[in-house]
Amino acid sequence: MSLTGILPHLQENSLLPIPRTYTVHAQYGNGASTADLAVILIDARKGVLEQTIRHSYIASLLDIRHIIFSINKMDMVNWSETVFNKIKSELASLVKKLDIIDAYYLPISAKYGDNVVDRSANMKWYNGKTFLTLIETIEIGKFKDSENPRFPVQTISVPVILSITTTVVMQEGWPEEFSGPVMM
């Protein structure tokens, strides 16, 4: 998914949609290794699932500091503020546990466009920004943590089960005391 055609000024930052299935985690790791912002969709009918926790963990591990949790299909739960607050509460606990620095919680109905571009007439109880306004105004800080460097993942190959090879490109010098990479 690329929003740079719609929002050309976002080209300077990375936006990564989080995949839903196990089979695309390799591609996710590749793209997420250079992302600044992740958008995680949650089905309002189902709430926080294992995949939500897994994708949040991976985003945290890859040091993606800005995460938008879009609680979608609010139309399927009758635009319920109670449902949204329950999911938001579960996500807030996860965010705290994973030390995610900047998290946003956004109730939307992608099918009807509620809180995507324009404010929702169906969710008057929500006072935050729309999705479009949020991604246009979010402050992406270019923070370099020299003690815990991030390396863009170039290739992930799985030639034999239980034998995963990851290739990274070093963009700056090795840290003086390098204890080795943290692998997912």
C-alpha atoms as a PDB file:
ATOM      1  CA  MET A   1       0.000   0.000   0.000  1.00  0.00           C
ATOM      2  CA  SER A   2       1.445   3.334  -0.955  1.00  0.00           C
ATOM      3  CA  LEU A   3      -0.135   6.608   0.031  1.00  0.00           C
ATOM      4  CA  THR A   4       2.588   8.676  -1.613  1.00  0.00           C
ATOM      5  CA  GLY A   5       0.473   9.059  -4.767  1.00  0.00           C
ATOM      6  CA  ILE A   6      -2.329  10.528  -2.674  1.00  0.00           C
ATOM      7  CA  LEU A   7      -0.069  12.379  -0.245  1.00  0.00           C
ATOM      8  CA  PRO A   8       3.208  13.198  -2.041  1.00  0.00           C
ATOM      9  CA  HIS A   9       4.683  14.973   0.997  1.00  0.00           C
ATOM     10  CA  LEU A  10       4.755  11.633   2.852  1.00  0.00           C
ATOM     11  CA  GLN A  11       7.550  10.381   0.588  1.00  0.00           C
ATOM     12  CA  GLU A  12      10.164  11.588   3.048  1.00  0.00           C
ATOM     13  CA  ASN A  13       8.788   9.219   5.700  1.00  0.00           C
ATOM     14  CA  SER A  14       8.017   5.532   5.579  1.00  0.00           C
ATOM     15  CA  LEU A  15       4.476   4.261   6.012  1.00  0.00           C
ATOM     16  CA  LEU A  16       4.007   0.530   6.336  1.00  0.00           C
ATOM     17  CA  PRO A  17       0.691  -1.294   6.398  1.00  0.00           C
ATOM     18  CA  ILE A  18       0.908  -4.301   8.709  1.00  0.00           C
ATOM     19  CA  PRO A  19       0.060  -7.636   7.037  1.00  0.00           C
ATOM     20  CA  ARG A  20      -2.532 -10.000   8.501  1.00  0.00           C
ATOM     21  CA  THR A  21      -1.089 -13.463   7.917  1.00  0.00           C
ATOM     22  CA  TYR A  22       1.880 -15.533   9.053  1.00  0.00           C
ATOM     23  CA  THR A  23       3.127 -16.019   5.491  1.00  0.00           C
ATOM     24  CA  VAL A  24       4.011 -12.393   4.956  1.00  0.00           C
ATOM     25  CA  HIS A  25       6.051 -11.803   8.111  1.00  0.00           C
ATOM     26  CA  ALA A  26       9.280 -12.022   6.133  1.00  0.00           C
ATOM     27  CA  GLN A  27       8.140  -9.221   3.820  1.00  0.00           C
ATOM     28  CA  TYR A  28       6.886  -7.294   6.847  1.00  0.00           C
ATOM     29  CA  GLY A  29      10.292  -7.546   8.527  1.00  0.00           C
ATOM     30  CA  ASN A  30      11.945  -6.337   5.352  1.00  0.00           C
ATOM     31  CA  GLY A  31       9.702  -3.296   4.938  1.00  0.00           C
ATOM     32  CA  ALA A  32       9.355  -2.513   8.629  1.00  0.00           C
ATOM     33  CA  SER A  33      13.099  -2.383   9.194  1.00  0.00           C
ATOM     34  CA  THR A  34      13.116   1.115   7.646  1.00  0.00           C
ATOM     35  CA  ALA A  35       9.597   2.301   8.586  1.00  0.00           C
ATOM     36  CA  ASP A  36       8.867   5.277  10.812  1.00  0.00           C
ATOM     37  CA  LEU A  37       5.132   4.671  11.193  1.00  0.00           C
ATOM     38  CA  ALA A  38       2.951   1.564  11.332  1.00  0.00           C
ATOM     39  CA  VAL A  39      -0.813   1.320  10.919  1.00  0.00           C
ATOM     40  CA  ILE A  40      -2.392  -1.693  12.597  1.00  0.00           C
ATOM     41  CA  LEU A  41      -6.017  -2.435  11.709  1.00  0.00           C
ATOM     42  CA  ILE A  42      -8.226  -4.031  14.341  1.00  0.00           C
ATOM     43  CA  ASP A  43     -11.659  -5.443  13.553  1.00  0.00           C
ATOM     44  CA  ALA A  44     -14.023  -3.842  16.108  1.00  0.00           C
ATOM     45  CA  ARG A  45     -16.111  -7.029  16.168  1.00  0.00           C
ATOM     46  CA  LYS A  46     -13.142  -9.202  17.167  1.00  0.00           C
ATOM     47  CA  GLY A  47     -11.043  -6.831  19.283  1.00  0.00           C
ATOM     48  CA  VAL A  48      -7.386  -7.409  20.105  1.00  0.00           C
ATOM     49  CA  LEU A  49      -6.283 -10.738  18.633  1.00  0.00           C
ATOM     50  CA  GLU A  50      -3.021 -12.692  18.734  1.00  0.00           C
ATOM     51  CA  GLN A  51      -2.005 -11.135  15.415  1.00  0.00           C
ATOM     52  CA  THR A  52      -2.545  -7.638  16.851  1.00  0.00           C
ATOM     53  CA  ILE A  53      -0.199  -8.452  19.719  1.00  0.00           C
ATOM     54  CA  ARG A  54       2.316 -10.091  17.361  1.00  0.00           C
ATOM     55  CA  HIS A  55       2.387  -7.164  14.937  1.00  0.00           C
ATOM     56  CA  SER A  56       2.668  -4.669  17.779  1.00  0.00           C
ATOM     57  CA  TYR A  57       5.577  -6.662  19.207  1.00  0.00           C
ATOM     58  CA  ILE A  58       7.350  -6.810  15.842  1.00  0.00           C
ATOM     59  CA  ALA A  59       6.848  -3.068  15.307  1.00  0.00           C
ATOM     60  CA  SER A  60       8.269  -2.408  18.775  1.00  0.00           C
ATOM     61  CA  LEU A  61      11.201  -4.759  18.210  1.00  0.00           C
ATOM     62  CA  LEU A  62      11.997  -2.998  14.937  1.00  0.00           C
ATOM     63  CA  ASP A  63      11.891   0.339  16.790  1.00  0.00           C
ATOM     64  CA  ILE A  64       8.923   1.778  14.903  1.00  0.00           C
ATOM     65  CA  ARG A  65       8.096   4.602  17.255  1.00  0.00           C
ATOM     66  CA  HIS A  66       4.751   5.741  15.833  1.00  0.00           C
ATOM     67  CA  ILE A  67       1.806   3.346  15.645  1.00  0.00           C
ATOM     68  CA  ILE A  68      -1.751   4.131  14.621  1.00  0.00           C
ATOM     69  CA  PHE A  69      -4.213   1.529  15.865  1.00  0.00           C
ATOM     70  CA  SER A  70      -7.199   1.888  13.525  1.00  0.00           C
ATOM     71  CA  ILE A  71     -10.222   0.199  15.033  1.00  0.00           C
ATOM     72  CA  ASN A  72     -12.177  -0.559  11.865  1.00  0.00           C
ATOM     73  CA  LYS A  73     -15.711  -1.784  11.174  1.00  0.00           C
ATOM     74  CA  MET A  74     -17.233   0.467  13.803  1.00  0.00           C
ATOM     75  CA  ASP A  75     -20.408   0.333  11.699  1.00  0.00           C
ATOM     76  CA  MET A  76     -20.654  -3.396  12.510  1.00  0.00           C
ATOM     77  CA  VAL A  77     -20.789  -2.633  16.262  1.00  0.00           C
ATOM     78  CA  ASN A  78     -23.346   0.175  15.914  1.00  0.00           C
ATOM     79  CA  TRP A  79     -20.684   2.889  16.279  1.00  0.00           C
ATOM     80  CA  SER A  80     -20.262   1.862  19.936  1.00  0.00           C
ATOM     81  CA  GLU A  81     -18.065   4.061  22.097  1.00  0.00           C
ATOM     82  CA  THR A  82     -18.029   1.262  24.704  1.00  0.00           C
ATOM     83  CA  VAL A  83     -16.572  -1.227  22.210  1.00  0.00           C
ATOM     84  CA  PHE A  84     -13.963   1.316  21.100  1.00  0.00           C
ATOM     85  CA  ASN A  85     -12.959   2.146  24.690  1.00  0.00           C
ATOM     86  CA  LYS A  86     -12.628  -1.552  25.596  1.00  0.00           C
ATOM     87  CA  ILE A  87     -10.301  -2.183  22.638  1.00  0.00           C
ATOM     88  CA  LYS A  88      -8.393   1.049  23.307  1.00  0.00           C
ATOM     89  CA  SER A  89      -7.881   0.013  26.943  1.00  0.00           C
ATOM     90  CA  GLU A  90      -6.465  -3.380  25.911  1.00  0.00           C
ATOM     91  CA  LEU A  91      -4.183  -1.711  23.375  1.00  0.00           C
ATOM     92  CA  ALA A  92      -3.009   0.895  25.899  1.00  0.00           C
ATOM     93  CA  SER A  93      -1.877  -1.926  28.212  1.00  0.00           C
ATOM     94  CA  LEU A  94       0.001  -3.529  25.307  1.00  0.00           C
ATOM     95  CA  VAL A  95       1.585  -0.202  24.339  1.00  0.00           C
ATOM     96  CA  LYS A  96       2.805   0.303  27.908  1.00  0.00           C
ATOM     97  CA  LYS A  97       4.201  -3.237  28.101  1.00  0.00           C
ATOM     98  CA  LEU A  98       6.083  -2.824  24.803  1.00  0.00           C
ATOM     99  CA  ASP A  99       7.331   0.716  25.580  1.00  0.00           C
ATOM    100  CA  ILE A 100       5.847   2.080  22.369  1.00  0.00           C
ATOM    101  CA  ILE A 101       6.586   5.794  22.435  1.00  0.00           C
ATOM    102  CA  ASP A 102       3.810   7.263  20.293  1.00  0.00           C
ATOM    103  CA  ALA A 103       0.485   5.426  19.856  1.00  0.00           C
ATOM    104  CA  TYR A 104      -2.819   6.657  18.460  1.00  0.00           C
ATOM    105  CA  TYR A 105      -6.246   5.008  18.650  1.00  0.00           C
ATOM    106  CA  LEU A 106      -8.707   5.804  15.904  1.00  0.00           C
ATOM    107  CA  PRO A 107     -12.260   4.463  15.415  1.00  0.00           C
ATOM    108  CA  ILE A 108     -13.074   4.187  11.705  1.00  0.00           C
ATOM    109  CA  SER A 109     -15.422   2.613   9.235  1.00  0.00           C
ATOM    110  CA  ALA A 110     -13.419   2.194   6.056  1.00  0.00           C
ATOM    111  CA  LYS A 111     -16.523   0.935   4.232  1.00  0.00           C
ATOM    112  CA  TYR A 112     -18.407   4.184   4.834  1.00  0.00           C
ATOM    113  CA  GLY A 113     -15.393   6.486   5.180  1.00  0.00           C
ATOM    114  CA  ASP A 114     -16.128   7.501   8.770  1.00  0.00           C
ATOM    115  CA  ASN A 115     -13.091   9.220  10.346  1.00  0.00           C
ATOM    116  CA  VAL A 116     -10.968   8.321   7.325  1.00  0.00           C
ATOM    117  CA  VAL A 117     -10.945  11.665   5.503  1.00  0.00           C
ATOM    118  CA  ASP A 118     -13.862  13.470   7.138  1.00  0.00           C
ATOM    119  CA  ARG A 119     -15.158  13.400  10.696  1.00  0.00           C
ATOM    120  CA  SER A 120     -17.854  10.862  11.378  1.00  0.00           C
ATOM    121  CA  ALA A 121     -21.435  11.955  11.934  1.00  0.00           C
ATOM    122  CA  ASN A 122     -21.989   8.507  13.476  1.00  0.00           C
ATOM    123  CA  MET A 123     -19.255   8.819  16.124  1.00  0.00           C
ATOM    124  CA  LYS A 124     -19.786  12.291  17.558  1.00  0.00           C
ATOM    125  CA  TRP A 125     -18.266  11.006  20.809  1.00  0.00           C
ATOM    126  CA  TYR A 126     -14.826  10.811  19.120  1.00  0.00           C
ATOM    127  CA  ASN A 127     -12.950  14.120  19.361  1.00  0.00           C
ATOM    128  CA  GLY A 128      -9.622  13.108  17.827  1.00  0.00           C
ATOM    129  CA  LYS A 129      -8.217  13.575  14.347  1.00  0.00           C
ATOM    130  CA  THR A 130      -9.314  11.712  11.227  1.00  0.00           C
ATOM    131  CA  PHE A 131      -6.922   9.166   9.738  1.00  0.00           C
ATOM    132  CA  LEU A 132      -5.891  11.502   6.923  1.00  0.00           C
ATOM    133  CA  THR A 133      -5.315  14.449   9.250  1.00  0.00           C
ATOM    134  CA  LEU A 134      -3.362  12.251  11.642  1.00  0.00           C
ATOM    135  CA  ILE A 135      -0.933  10.887   9.060  1.00  0.00           C
ATOM    136  CA  GLU A 136      -0.503  14.357   7.580  1.00  0.00           C
ATOM    137  CA  THR A 137       0.336  15.968  10.916  1.00  0.00           C
ATOM    138  CA  ILE A 138       2.137  13.262  12.896  1.00  0.00           C
ATOM    139  CA  GLU A 139       5.608  14.375  13.964  1.00  0.00           C
ATOM    140  CA  ILE A 140       8.153  11.832  12.775  1.00  0.00           C
ATOM    141  CA  GLY A 141      11.340  12.353  14.745  1.00  0.00           C
ATOM    142  CA  LYS A 142      14.607  11.210  13.235  1.00  0.00           C
ATOM    143  CA  PHE A 143      16.085   9.756  16.401  1.00  0.00           C
ATOM    144  CA  LYS A 144      19.342   7.859  16.193  1.00  0.00           C
ATOM    145  CA  ASP A 145      19.958   5.484  19.039  1.00  0.00           C
ATOM    146  CA  SER A 146      23.662   4.662  18.707  1.00  0.00           C
ATOM    147  CA  GLU A 147      23.459   2.059  21.466  1.00  0.00           C
ATOM    148  CA  ASN A 148      20.705   0.107  19.681  1.00  0.00           C
ATOM    149  CA  PRO A 149      21.174   0.693  15.938  1.00  0.00           C
ATOM    150  CA  ARG A 150      18.574  -0.382  13.364  1.00  0.00           C
ATOM    151  CA  PHE A 151      19.711  -2.074  10.193  1.00  0.00           C
ATOM    152  CA  PRO A 152      17.564  -2.264   7.066  1.00  0.00           C
ATOM    153  CA  VAL A 153      16.795  -5.897   6.270  1.00  0.00           C
ATOM    154  CA  GLN A 154      17.769  -6.672   2.681  1.00  0.00           C
ATOM    155  CA  THR A 155      16.865 -10.346   2.350  1.00  0.00           C
ATOM    156  CA  ILE A 156      15.166 -13.003   4.387  1.00  0.00           C
ATOM    157  CA  SER A 157      15.523 -16.523   3.073  1.00  0.00           C
ATOM    158  CA  VAL A 158      14.281 -19.744   4.566  1.00  0.00           C
ATOM    159  CA  PRO A 159      16.168 -22.503   2.701  1.00  0.00           C
ATOM    160  CA  VAL A 160      15.470 -25.190   5.302  1.00  0.00           C
ATOM    161  CA  ILE A 161      12.961 -25.232   8.130  1.00  0.00           C
ATOM    162  CA  LEU A 162      14.570 -23.837  11.307  1.00  0.00           C
ATOM    163  CA  SER A 163      17.383 -22.269   9.277  1.00  0.00           C
ATOM    164  CA  ILE A 164      16.565 -18.619   8.615  1.00  0.00           C
ATOM    165  CA  THR A 165      19.140 -16.297   7.091  1.00  0.00           C
ATOM    166  CA  THR A 166      18.766 -12.540   7.362  1.00  0.00           C
ATOM    167  CA  THR A 167      20.969 -10.118   5.448  1.00  0.00           C
ATOM    168  CA  VAL A 168      21.362  -6.542   6.612  1.00  0.00           C
ATOM    169  CA  VAL A 169      23.342  -3.651   5.213  1.00  0.00           C
ATOM    170  CA  MET A 170      25.514  -1.680   7.628  1.00  0.00           C
ATOM    171  CA  GLN A 171      25.046   2.018   6.902  1.00  0.00           C
ATOM    172  CA  GLU A 172      27.449   3.295   9.551  1.00  0.00           C
ATOM    173  CA  GLY A 173      30.382   1.855  11.485  1.00  0.00           C
ATOM    174  CA  TRP A 174      29.980  -1.043  13.911  1.00  0.00           C
ATOM    175  CA  PRO A 175      29.464  -0.057  17.543  1.00  0.00           C
ATOM    176  CA  GLU A 176      32.571  -0.520  19.705  1.00  0.00           C
ATOM    177  CA  GLU A 177      30.868  -3.113  21.881  1.00  0.00           C
ATOM    178  CA  PHE A 178      28.646  -5.089  19.526  1.00  0.00           C
ATOM    179  CA  SER A 179      26.905  -8.004  21.201  1.00  0.00           C
ATOM    180  CA  GLY A 180      25.213  -9.222  18.027  1.00  0.00           C
ATOM    181  CA  PRO A 181      21.826  -8.655  16.461  1.00  0.00           C
ATOM    182  CA  VAL A 182      18.491  -9.257  18.150  1.00  0.00           C
ATOM    183  CA  MET A 183      16.585 -11.719  15.991  1.00  0.00           C
ATOM    184  CA  MET A 184      12.816 -12.173  15.925  1.00  0.00           C
END
